[in-house]
Amino acid sequence: VPPARCALFDPAFSAREAAALRALGLCLLPENEEGKHGVGGAATLFYMVHCGKALYNNLLWSNWSPAALSKLVIIGNSFRGIEERLLSRILERDYSYIAKVLKGVEEVALPSHPRYLDTFNDTSVHWFPLDKLQELSPEVWDFVEEPMYQDCEDLEIIRKGE
């Protein structure tokens, strides 16, 4: 992938880090989208290792259609792991898009590195085969309300205004 086609954002980037990334020819997104980045019809790889659940949920929401989701691949925290660690009522209330897409996603865990067992122990590659997405109930695609996280006690993202 040509560097100019790689878009990056982390609210924790320092000015020096941002300058170095730009010098490498990478594109820095101008503002915190809180993960709400649409693929715009193009196949897109999202590298989101150790991101908060709300970022994944927001990304799914902003691409909530079989056509868009089938164009994205996410390298990040295991959705199955998220499902296993959260009470189902919390998953469905706070991260409903992750909960709704679990039957439409393929996931393969990346091997753990023996030296960094506590760091990259939950990383998977996720993709969304169009045929699996089309098998989901039509009602799944009807609900497209933007996630707000009002009742979420453990929001693991930096919000736009923070």
N, C-alpha and C. Protein backbone atom coordinates (compact mmCIF):
# COMPACT_ATOMS: atom_id res chain seq x y z
N VAL A 1 0.86 -1.17 0.00
CA VAL A 1 0.00 0.00 0.00
C VAL A 1 0.90 1.23 0.00
N PRO A 2 0.70 2.11 -0.94
CA PRO A 2 1.51 3.34 -0.96
C PRO A 2 1.28 4.15 0.31
N PRO A 3 2.35 4.74 0.87
CA PRO A 3 2.20 5.50 2.13
C PRO A 3 1.12 6.58 2.06
N ALA A 4 0.95 7.24 0.95
CA ALA A 4 -0.05 8.31 0.85
C ALA A 4 -1.48 7.79 1.00
N ARG A 5 -1.68 6.48 0.83
CA ARG A 5 -3.01 5.88 0.99
C ARG A 5 -3.23 5.32 2.38
N CYS A 6 -2.26 5.52 3.28
CA CYS A 6 -2.37 5.06 4.66
C CYS A 6 -2.79 6.24 5.53
N ALA A 7 -3.97 6.16 6.10
CA ALA A 7 -4.47 7.21 6.97
C ALA A 7 -4.32 6.75 8.42
N LEU A 8 -3.83 7.65 9.26
CA LEU A 8 -3.58 7.33 10.66
C LEU A 8 -4.21 8.37 11.56
N PHE A 9 -4.56 7.92 12.76
CA PHE A 9 -4.96 8.86 13.79
C PHE A 9 -4.79 8.21 15.15
N ASP A 10 -4.22 8.95 16.05
CA ASP A 10 -4.17 8.58 17.46
C ASP A 10 -4.16 9.88 18.23
N PRO A 11 -5.13 10.09 19.12
CA PRO A 11 -5.16 11.36 19.85
C PRO A 11 -3.92 11.57 20.72
N ALA A 12 -3.14 10.51 20.92
CA ALA A 12 -1.94 10.61 21.74
C ALA A 12 -0.69 10.96 20.93
N PHE A 13 -0.80 11.08 19.59
CA PHE A 13 0.37 11.47 18.80
C PHE A 13 0.88 12.82 19.27
N SER A 14 2.17 12.89 19.54
CA SER A 14 2.78 14.18 19.84
C SER A 14 3.03 14.92 18.53
N ALA A 15 3.34 16.20 18.62
CA ALA A 15 3.64 16.98 17.42
C ALA A 15 4.84 16.38 16.69
N ARG A 16 5.82 15.93 17.43
CA ARG A 16 7.02 15.32 16.83
C ARG A 16 6.67 14.02 16.10
N GLU A 17 5.83 13.18 16.73
CA GLU A 17 5.42 11.94 16.09
C GLU A 17 4.62 12.22 14.81
N ALA A 18 3.71 13.18 14.88
CA ALA A 18 2.90 13.53 13.71
C ALA A 18 3.80 14.03 12.57
N ALA A 19 4.78 14.85 12.91
CA ALA A 19 5.70 15.36 11.89
C ALA A 19 6.50 14.22 11.26
N ALA A 20 6.94 13.27 12.06
CA ALA A 20 7.71 12.14 11.53
C ALA A 20 6.84 11.29 10.61
N LEU A 21 5.59 11.06 10.98
CA LEU A 21 4.69 10.27 10.15
C LEU A 21 4.41 10.96 8.82
N ARG A 22 4.21 12.28 8.88
CA ARG A 22 4.00 13.05 7.64
C ARG A 22 5.25 13.00 6.76
N ALA A 23 6.43 13.09 7.38
CA ALA A 23 7.69 13.02 6.63
C ALA A 23 7.84 11.68 5.93
N LEU A 24 7.24 10.64 6.48
CA LEU A 24 7.26 9.32 5.85
C LEU A 24 6.23 9.21 4.72
N GLY A 25 5.45 10.28 4.52
CA GLY A 25 4.46 10.29 3.45
C GLY A 25 3.11 9.74 3.84
N LEU A 26 2.90 9.50 5.14
CA LEU A 26 1.62 8.97 5.61
C LEU A 26 0.63 10.11 5.80
N CYS A 27 -0.63 9.81 5.66
CA CYS A 27 -1.70 10.80 5.80
C CYS A 27 -2.25 10.74 7.22
N LEU A 28 -2.23 11.85 7.92
CA LEU A 28 -2.81 11.91 9.25
C LEU A 28 -4.20 12.51 9.16
N LEU A 29 -5.17 11.82 9.74
CA LEU A 29 -6.53 12.35 9.76
C LEU A 29 -6.52 13.63 10.60
N PRO A 30 -7.24 14.65 10.17
CA PRO A 30 -7.15 15.95 10.85
C PRO A 30 -7.84 16.02 12.20
N GLU A 31 -8.78 15.12 12.44
CA GLU A 31 -9.50 15.19 13.72
C GLU A 31 -9.84 13.80 14.24
N ASN A 32 -10.17 13.76 15.49
CA ASN A 32 -10.56 12.52 16.16
C ASN A 32 -11.95 12.11 15.68
N GLU A 33 -12.01 11.05 14.90
CA GLU A 33 -13.29 10.54 14.40
C GLU A 33 -13.92 9.54 15.36
N GLU A 34 -13.25 9.25 16.46
CA GLU A 34 -13.72 8.26 17.44
C GLU A 34 -13.98 6.91 16.77
N GLY A 35 -13.21 6.59 15.74
CA GLY A 35 -13.36 5.32 15.04
C GLY A 35 -14.46 5.32 13.99
N LYS A 36 -15.17 6.42 13.83
CA LYS A 36 -16.30 6.50 12.90
C LYS A 36 -15.79 6.86 11.50
N HIS A 37 -15.06 5.93 10.92
CA HIS A 37 -14.43 6.16 9.62
C HIS A 37 -15.05 5.22 8.59
N GLY A 38 -15.68 5.79 7.59
CA GLY A 38 -16.31 4.99 6.55
C GLY A 38 -15.30 4.55 5.50
N VAL A 39 -15.55 3.38 4.92
CA VAL A 39 -14.63 2.85 3.91
C VAL A 39 -14.86 3.49 2.55
N GLY A 40 -16.00 4.12 2.34
CA GLY A 40 -16.24 4.80 1.08
C GLY A 40 -16.18 3.90 -0.14
N GLY A 41 -16.56 2.65 0.01
CA GLY A 41 -16.61 1.75 -1.12
C GLY A 41 -15.29 1.08 -1.49
N ALA A 42 -14.21 1.43 -0.81
CA ALA A 42 -12.91 0.84 -1.12
C ALA A 42 -12.53 -0.20 -0.07
N ALA A 43 -11.86 -1.25 -0.50
CA ALA A 43 -11.35 -2.23 0.45
C ALA A 43 -10.37 -1.54 1.39
N THR A 44 -10.53 -1.76 2.68
CA THR A 44 -9.75 -1.03 3.67
C THR A 44 -9.32 -1.95 4.80
N LEU A 45 -8.06 -1.82 5.18
CA LEU A 45 -7.50 -2.55 6.31
C LEU A 45 -7.38 -1.58 7.48
N PHE A 46 -7.93 -1.97 8.62
CA PHE A 46 -7.84 -1.17 9.84
C PHE A 46 -6.93 -1.91 10.81
N TYR A 47 -5.85 -1.27 11.20
CA TYR A 47 -4.93 -1.82 12.19
C TYR A 47 -5.26 -1.14 13.51
N MET A 48 -5.93 -1.86 14.39
CA MET A 48 -6.48 -1.28 15.61
C MET A 48 -6.12 -2.12 16.82
N VAL A 49 -4.87 -2.41 16.99
CA VAL A 49 -4.42 -3.25 18.09
C VAL A 49 -4.56 -2.50 19.41
N HIS A 50 -5.12 -3.16 20.39
CA HIS A 50 -5.32 -2.62 21.75
C HIS A 50 -6.23 -1.41 21.80
N CYS A 51 -7.18 -1.33 20.90
CA CYS A 51 -8.14 -0.22 20.93
C CYS A 51 -9.31 -0.58 21.85
N GLY A 52 -9.99 0.44 22.30
CA GLY A 52 -11.17 0.24 23.12
C GLY A 52 -12.33 -0.31 22.31
N LYS A 53 -13.22 -1.00 22.99
CA LYS A 53 -14.38 -1.62 22.33
C LYS A 53 -15.23 -0.60 21.60
N ALA A 54 -15.34 0.60 22.13
CA ALA A 54 -16.15 1.62 21.47
C ALA A 54 -15.60 1.99 20.09
N LEU A 55 -14.28 1.94 19.91
CA LEU A 55 -13.72 2.25 18.59
C LEU A 55 -14.15 1.21 17.56
N TYR A 56 -14.10 -0.06 17.93
CA TYR A 56 -14.56 -1.10 17.01
C TYR A 56 -16.05 -0.94 16.74
N ASN A 57 -16.82 -0.71 17.79
CA ASN A 57 -18.26 -0.54 17.65
C ASN A 57 -18.58 0.64 16.74
N ASN A 58 -17.88 1.76 16.92
CA ASN A 58 -18.09 2.94 16.08
C ASN A 58 -17.72 2.68 14.63
N LEU A 59 -16.63 1.95 14.41
CA LEU A 59 -16.22 1.62 13.05
C LEU A 59 -17.29 0.78 12.37
N LEU A 60 -17.81 -0.21 13.08
CA LEU A 60 -18.88 -1.03 12.51
C LEU A 60 -20.10 -0.18 12.20
N TRP A 61 -20.50 0.68 13.13
CA TRP A 61 -21.67 1.53 12.92
C TRP A 61 -21.51 2.40 11.68
N SER A 62 -20.33 2.98 11.49
CA SER A 62 -20.14 3.89 10.36
C SER A 62 -20.05 3.17 9.02
N ASN A 63 -20.00 1.85 9.05
CA ASN A 63 -19.97 1.05 7.82
C ASN A 63 -21.07 -0.01 7.85
N TRP A 64 -22.20 0.32 8.49
CA TRP A 64 -23.23 -0.67 8.79
C TRP A 64 -24.09 -1.03 7.58
N SER A 65 -23.53 -1.80 6.70
CA SER A 65 -24.26 -2.42 5.59
C SER A 65 -23.42 -3.60 5.12
N PRO A 66 -24.06 -4.62 4.56
CA PRO A 66 -23.27 -5.75 4.06
C PRO A 66 -22.23 -5.31 3.02
N ALA A 67 -22.60 -4.38 2.15
CA ALA A 67 -21.67 -3.95 1.11
C ALA A 67 -20.42 -3.30 1.70
N ALA A 68 -20.60 -2.43 2.68
CA ALA A 68 -19.45 -1.74 3.27
C ALA A 68 -18.63 -2.66 4.17
N LEU A 69 -19.30 -3.41 5.04
CA LEU A 69 -18.57 -4.29 5.95
C LEU A 69 -17.76 -5.35 5.20
N SER A 70 -18.27 -5.80 4.08
CA SER A 70 -17.56 -6.83 3.33
C SER A 70 -16.27 -6.30 2.71
N LYS A 71 -16.08 -4.99 2.75
CA LYS A 71 -14.86 -4.38 2.21
C LYS A 71 -13.83 -4.09 3.29
N LEU A 72 -14.13 -4.41 4.54
CA LEU A 72 -13.13 -4.10 5.56
C LEU A 72 -12.56 -5.31 6.25
N VAL A 73 -11.32 -5.13 6.65
CA VAL A 73 -10.57 -6.11 7.43
C VAL A 73 -10.04 -5.37 8.64
N ILE A 74 -10.18 -5.98 9.79
CA ILE A 74 -9.69 -5.36 11.02
C ILE A 74 -8.65 -6.28 11.65
N ILE A 75 -7.50 -5.72 11.94
CA ILE A 75 -6.51 -6.40 12.78
C ILE A 75 -6.61 -5.72 14.13
N GLY A 76 -7.09 -6.45 15.11
CA GLY A 76 -7.30 -5.83 16.42
C GLY A 76 -7.73 -6.86 17.45
N ASN A 77 -8.27 -6.35 18.54
CA ASN A 77 -8.70 -7.21 19.64
C ASN A 77 -9.77 -8.19 19.16
N SER A 78 -9.70 -9.39 19.66
CA SER A 78 -10.62 -10.45 19.27
C SER A 78 -12.05 -10.10 19.63
N PHE A 79 -12.95 -10.14 18.64
CA PHE A 79 -14.37 -9.94 18.91
C PHE A 79 -14.90 -11.09 19.76
N ARG A 80 -14.42 -12.29 19.51
CA ARG A 80 -14.85 -13.45 20.32
C ARG A 80 -14.39 -13.26 21.77
N GLY A 81 -13.20 -12.72 21.94
CA GLY A 81 -12.71 -12.44 23.29
C GLY A 81 -13.55 -11.40 23.99
N ILE A 82 -13.96 -10.38 23.26
CA ILE A 82 -14.84 -9.35 23.82
C ILE A 82 -16.14 -10.00 24.26
N GLU A 83 -16.70 -10.85 23.39
CA GLU A 83 -17.95 -11.54 23.71
C GLU A 83 -17.80 -12.42 24.96
N GLU A 84 -16.67 -13.10 25.08
CA GLU A 84 -16.45 -14.00 26.22
C GLU A 84 -16.26 -13.23 27.53
N ARG A 85 -15.66 -12.05 27.48
CA ARG A 85 -15.34 -11.31 28.71
C ARG A 85 -16.44 -10.39 29.20
N LEU A 86 -17.40 -10.06 28.35
CA LEU A 86 -18.46 -9.13 28.75
C LEU A 86 -19.77 -9.87 29.00
N LEU A 87 -20.51 -9.41 29.96
CA LEU A 87 -21.86 -9.92 30.13
C LEU A 87 -22.64 -9.59 28.86
N SER A 88 -23.49 -10.51 28.41
CA SER A 88 -24.20 -10.29 27.15
C SER A 88 -25.07 -9.03 27.20
N ARG A 89 -25.65 -8.71 28.35
CA ARG A 89 -26.48 -7.50 28.43
C ARG A 89 -25.65 -6.23 28.26
N ILE A 90 -24.40 -6.24 28.73
CA ILE A 90 -23.50 -5.09 28.56
C ILE A 90 -23.05 -5.00 27.11
N LEU A 91 -22.70 -6.13 26.52
CA LEU A 91 -22.29 -6.16 25.11
C LEU A 91 -23.41 -5.61 24.23
N GLU A 92 -24.62 -6.07 24.44
CA GLU A 92 -25.75 -5.65 23.61
C GLU A 92 -26.15 -4.20 23.88
N ARG A 93 -26.01 -3.73 25.11
CA ARG A 93 -26.39 -2.35 25.43
C ARG A 93 -25.34 -1.35 24.95
N ASP A 94 -24.07 -1.61 25.26
CA ASP A 94 -23.02 -0.63 24.99
C ASP A 94 -22.31 -0.82 23.65
N TYR A 95 -22.25 -2.05 23.18
CA TYR A 95 -21.48 -2.35 21.95
C TYR A 95 -22.34 -3.19 21.02
N SER A 96 -23.52 -2.67 20.72
CA SER A 96 -24.53 -3.44 19.99
C SER A 96 -24.08 -3.84 18.59
N TYR A 97 -23.25 -3.04 17.95
CA TYR A 97 -22.83 -3.39 16.59
C TYR A 97 -21.85 -4.57 16.60
N ILE A 98 -21.01 -4.64 17.61
CA ILE A 98 -20.15 -5.82 17.75
C ILE A 98 -21.04 -7.04 18.00
N ALA A 99 -22.00 -6.90 18.91
CA ALA A 99 -22.90 -8.02 19.25
C ALA A 99 -23.66 -8.51 18.02
N LYS A 100 -24.16 -7.57 17.20
CA LYS A 100 -24.98 -7.94 16.04
C LYS A 100 -24.19 -8.59 14.92
N VAL A 101 -22.91 -8.28 14.82
CA VAL A 101 -22.14 -8.78 13.67
C VAL A 101 -21.39 -10.08 13.98
N LEU A 102 -21.44 -10.55 15.20
CA LEU A 102 -20.67 -11.74 15.58
C LEU A 102 -20.94 -12.96 14.68
N LYS A 103 -22.17 -13.11 14.20
CA LYS A 103 -22.48 -14.24 13.32
C LYS A 103 -22.09 -13.97 11.87
N GLY A 104 -21.65 -12.75 11.58
CA GLY A 104 -21.28 -12.41 10.21
C GLY A 104 -19.80 -12.15 10.02
N VAL A 105 -19.02 -12.43 11.05
CA VAL A 105 -17.58 -12.15 10.98
C VAL A 105 -16.80 -13.45 11.00
N GLU A 106 -15.71 -13.46 10.26
CA GLU A 106 -14.72 -14.53 10.35
C GLU A 106 -13.55 -13.96 11.13
N GLU A 107 -12.97 -14.76 11.99
CA GLU A 107 -11.88 -14.27 12.84
C GLU A 107 -10.82 -15.35 12.98
N VAL A 108 -9.58 -14.94 12.82
CA VAL A 108 -8.45 -15.85 13.02
C VAL A 108 -7.47 -15.17 13.97
N ALA A 109 -7.16 -15.85 15.05
CA ALA A 109 -6.22 -15.30 16.04
C ALA A 109 -4.80 -15.31 15.46
N LEU A 110 -4.07 -14.24 15.73
CA LEU A 110 -2.67 -14.21 15.37
C LEU A 110 -1.88 -14.94 16.45
N PRO A 111 -0.81 -15.60 16.08
CA PRO A 111 -0.04 -16.32 17.11
C PRO A 111 0.58 -15.36 18.12
N SER A 112 0.62 -15.80 19.35
CA SER A 112 1.25 -14.99 20.41
C SER A 112 2.76 -15.07 20.27
N HIS A 113 3.40 -13.98 20.63
CA HIS A 113 4.86 -13.96 20.64
C HIS A 113 5.31 -14.36 22.04
N PRO A 114 6.22 -15.33 22.15
CA PRO A 114 6.60 -15.81 23.49
C PRO A 114 7.17 -14.73 24.39
N ARG A 115 7.75 -13.71 23.81
CA ARG A 115 8.35 -12.63 24.62
C ARG A 115 7.32 -11.60 25.06
N TYR A 116 6.21 -11.48 24.31
CA TYR A 116 5.21 -10.45 24.59
C TYR A 116 3.83 -11.05 24.84
N LEU A 117 3.77 -12.07 25.68
CA LEU A 117 2.51 -12.77 25.92
C LEU A 117 1.42 -11.86 26.47
N ASP A 118 1.78 -10.89 27.28
CA ASP A 118 0.77 -10.02 27.88
C ASP A 118 0.42 -8.83 27.00
N THR A 119 1.08 -8.67 25.87
CA THR A 119 0.86 -7.50 25.02
C THR A 119 -0.03 -7.82 23.83
N PHE A 120 0.32 -8.81 23.05
CA PHE A 120 -0.42 -9.13 21.84
C PHE A 120 -1.10 -10.48 21.94
N ASN A 121 -1.67 -10.76 23.09
CA ASN A 121 -2.25 -12.07 23.34
C ASN A 121 -3.69 -12.21 22.86
N ASP A 122 -4.29 -11.14 22.38
CA ASP A 122 -5.72 -11.17 22.02
C ASP A 122 -5.95 -10.56 20.64
N THR A 123 -4.95 -10.63 19.78
CA THR A 123 -5.04 -9.99 18.48
C THR A 123 -5.52 -10.99 17.43
N SER A 124 -6.49 -10.54 16.64
CA SER A 124 -7.06 -11.39 15.59
C SER A 124 -7.22 -10.58 14.31
N VAL A 125 -7.34 -11.30 13.21
CA VAL A 125 -7.71 -10.70 11.94
C VAL A 125 -9.19 -10.99 11.74
N HIS A 126 -9.97 -9.95 11.43
CA HIS A 126 -11.41 -10.08 11.25
C HIS A 126 -11.77 -9.66 9.83
N TRP A 127 -12.65 -10.41 9.19
CA TRP A 127 -13.19 -9.99 7.91
C TRP A 127 -14.65 -10.42 7.87
N PHE A 128 -15.39 -9.83 6.95
CA PHE A 128 -16.85 -9.95 6.94
C PHE A 128 -17.31 -10.44 5.56
N PRO A 129 -17.36 -11.76 5.38
CA PRO A 129 -17.77 -12.30 4.08
C PRO A 129 -19.20 -11.87 3.73
N LEU A 130 -19.37 -11.38 2.53
CA LEU A 130 -20.68 -10.88 2.10
C LEU A 130 -21.77 -11.93 2.26
N ASP A 131 -21.50 -13.18 1.91
CA ASP A 131 -22.53 -14.21 2.03
C ASP A 131 -22.97 -14.42 3.48
N LYS A 132 -22.04 -14.34 4.43
CA LYS A 132 -22.40 -14.48 5.85
C LYS A 132 -23.22 -13.28 6.33
N LEU A 133 -22.84 -12.09 5.88
CA LEU A 133 -23.58 -10.89 6.26
C LEU A 133 -25.01 -10.92 5.72
N GLN A 134 -25.16 -11.43 4.51
CA GLN A 134 -26.48 -11.48 3.90
C GLN A 134 -27.37 -12.53 4.55
N GLU A 135 -26.79 -13.46 5.28
CA GLU A 135 -27.58 -14.46 6.01
C GLU A 135 -28.17 -13.91 7.31
N LEU A 136 -27.65 -12.77 7.78
CA LEU A 136 -28.18 -12.19 9.01
C LEU A 136 -29.59 -11.68 8.76
N SER A 137 -30.37 -11.64 9.80
CA SER A 137 -31.76 -11.18 9.72
C SER A 137 -31.82 -9.75 9.17
N PRO A 138 -32.80 -9.45 8.32
CA PRO A 138 -32.94 -8.07 7.80
C PRO A 138 -33.08 -7.03 8.90
N GLU A 139 -33.67 -7.43 10.05
CA GLU A 139 -33.83 -6.50 11.17
C GLU A 139 -32.48 -6.01 11.72
N VAL A 140 -31.45 -6.83 11.56
CA VAL A 140 -30.11 -6.46 12.03
C VAL A 140 -29.66 -5.17 11.36
N TRP A 141 -30.01 -5.02 10.08
CA TRP A 141 -29.53 -3.87 9.30
C TRP A 141 -30.44 -2.66 9.45
N ASP A 142 -31.63 -2.83 10.01
CA ASP A 142 -32.58 -1.72 10.15
C ASP A 142 -32.17 -0.72 11.23
N PHE A 143 -31.58 -1.19 12.30
CA PHE A 143 -31.22 -0.33 13.42
C PHE A 143 -29.85 0.29 13.16
N VAL A 144 -29.82 1.59 12.95
CA VAL A 144 -28.56 2.27 12.64
C VAL A 144 -28.34 3.50 13.53
N GLU A 145 -28.82 3.43 14.74
CA GLU A 145 -28.67 4.55 15.67
C GLU A 145 -27.20 4.70 16.07
N GLU A 146 -26.73 5.94 16.07
CA GLU A 146 -25.33 6.20 16.43
C GLU A 146 -25.08 5.84 17.89
N PRO A 147 -24.00 5.12 18.15
CA PRO A 147 -23.67 4.76 19.55
C PRO A 147 -23.36 6.02 20.37
N MET A 148 -23.87 6.06 21.61
CA MET A 148 -23.66 7.24 22.46
C MET A 148 -22.90 6.92 23.75
N TYR A 149 -22.99 5.74 24.29
CA TYR A 149 -22.24 5.29 25.46
C TYR A 149 -22.57 6.06 26.74
N GLN A 150 -23.81 6.47 26.90
CA GLN A 150 -24.18 7.23 28.10
C GLN A 150 -24.09 6.40 29.38
N ASP A 151 -24.43 5.14 29.32
CA ASP A 151 -24.42 4.29 30.51
C ASP A 151 -23.14 3.48 30.65
N CYS A 152 -22.20 3.70 29.77
CA CYS A 152 -20.98 2.90 29.74
C CYS A 152 -20.00 3.40 30.80
N GLU A 153 -19.68 2.52 31.76
CA GLU A 153 -18.78 2.90 32.85
C GLU A 153 -17.31 2.80 32.45
N ASP A 154 -17.01 1.99 31.46
CA ASP A 154 -15.63 1.65 31.13
C ASP A 154 -15.30 2.04 29.69
N LEU A 155 -15.55 3.29 29.33
CA LEU A 155 -15.32 3.74 27.96
C LEU A 155 -13.83 3.91 27.73
N GLU A 156 -13.30 3.11 26.82
CA GLU A 156 -11.85 3.04 26.61
C GLU A 156 -11.39 3.85 25.39
N ILE A 157 -12.01 4.99 25.16
CA ILE A 157 -11.56 5.84 24.05
C ILE A 157 -11.43 7.27 24.53
N ILE A 158 -10.68 8.02 23.76
CA ILE A 158 -10.57 9.47 24.01
C ILE A 158 -11.62 10.12 23.12
N ARG A 159 -12.57 10.81 23.73
CA ARG A 159 -13.65 11.43 22.98
C ARG A 159 -13.14 12.66 22.24
N LYS A 160 -13.88 13.07 21.24
CA LYS A 160 -13.52 14.18 20.36
C LYS A 160 -13.14 15.45 21.12
N GLY A 161 -13.93 15.82 22.09
CA GLY A 161 -13.71 17.08 22.81
C GLY A 161 -12.71 17.00 23.95
N GLU A 162 -12.14 15.84 24.19
CA GLU A 162 -11.24 15.68 25.34
C GLU A 162 -9.81 16.00 24.98
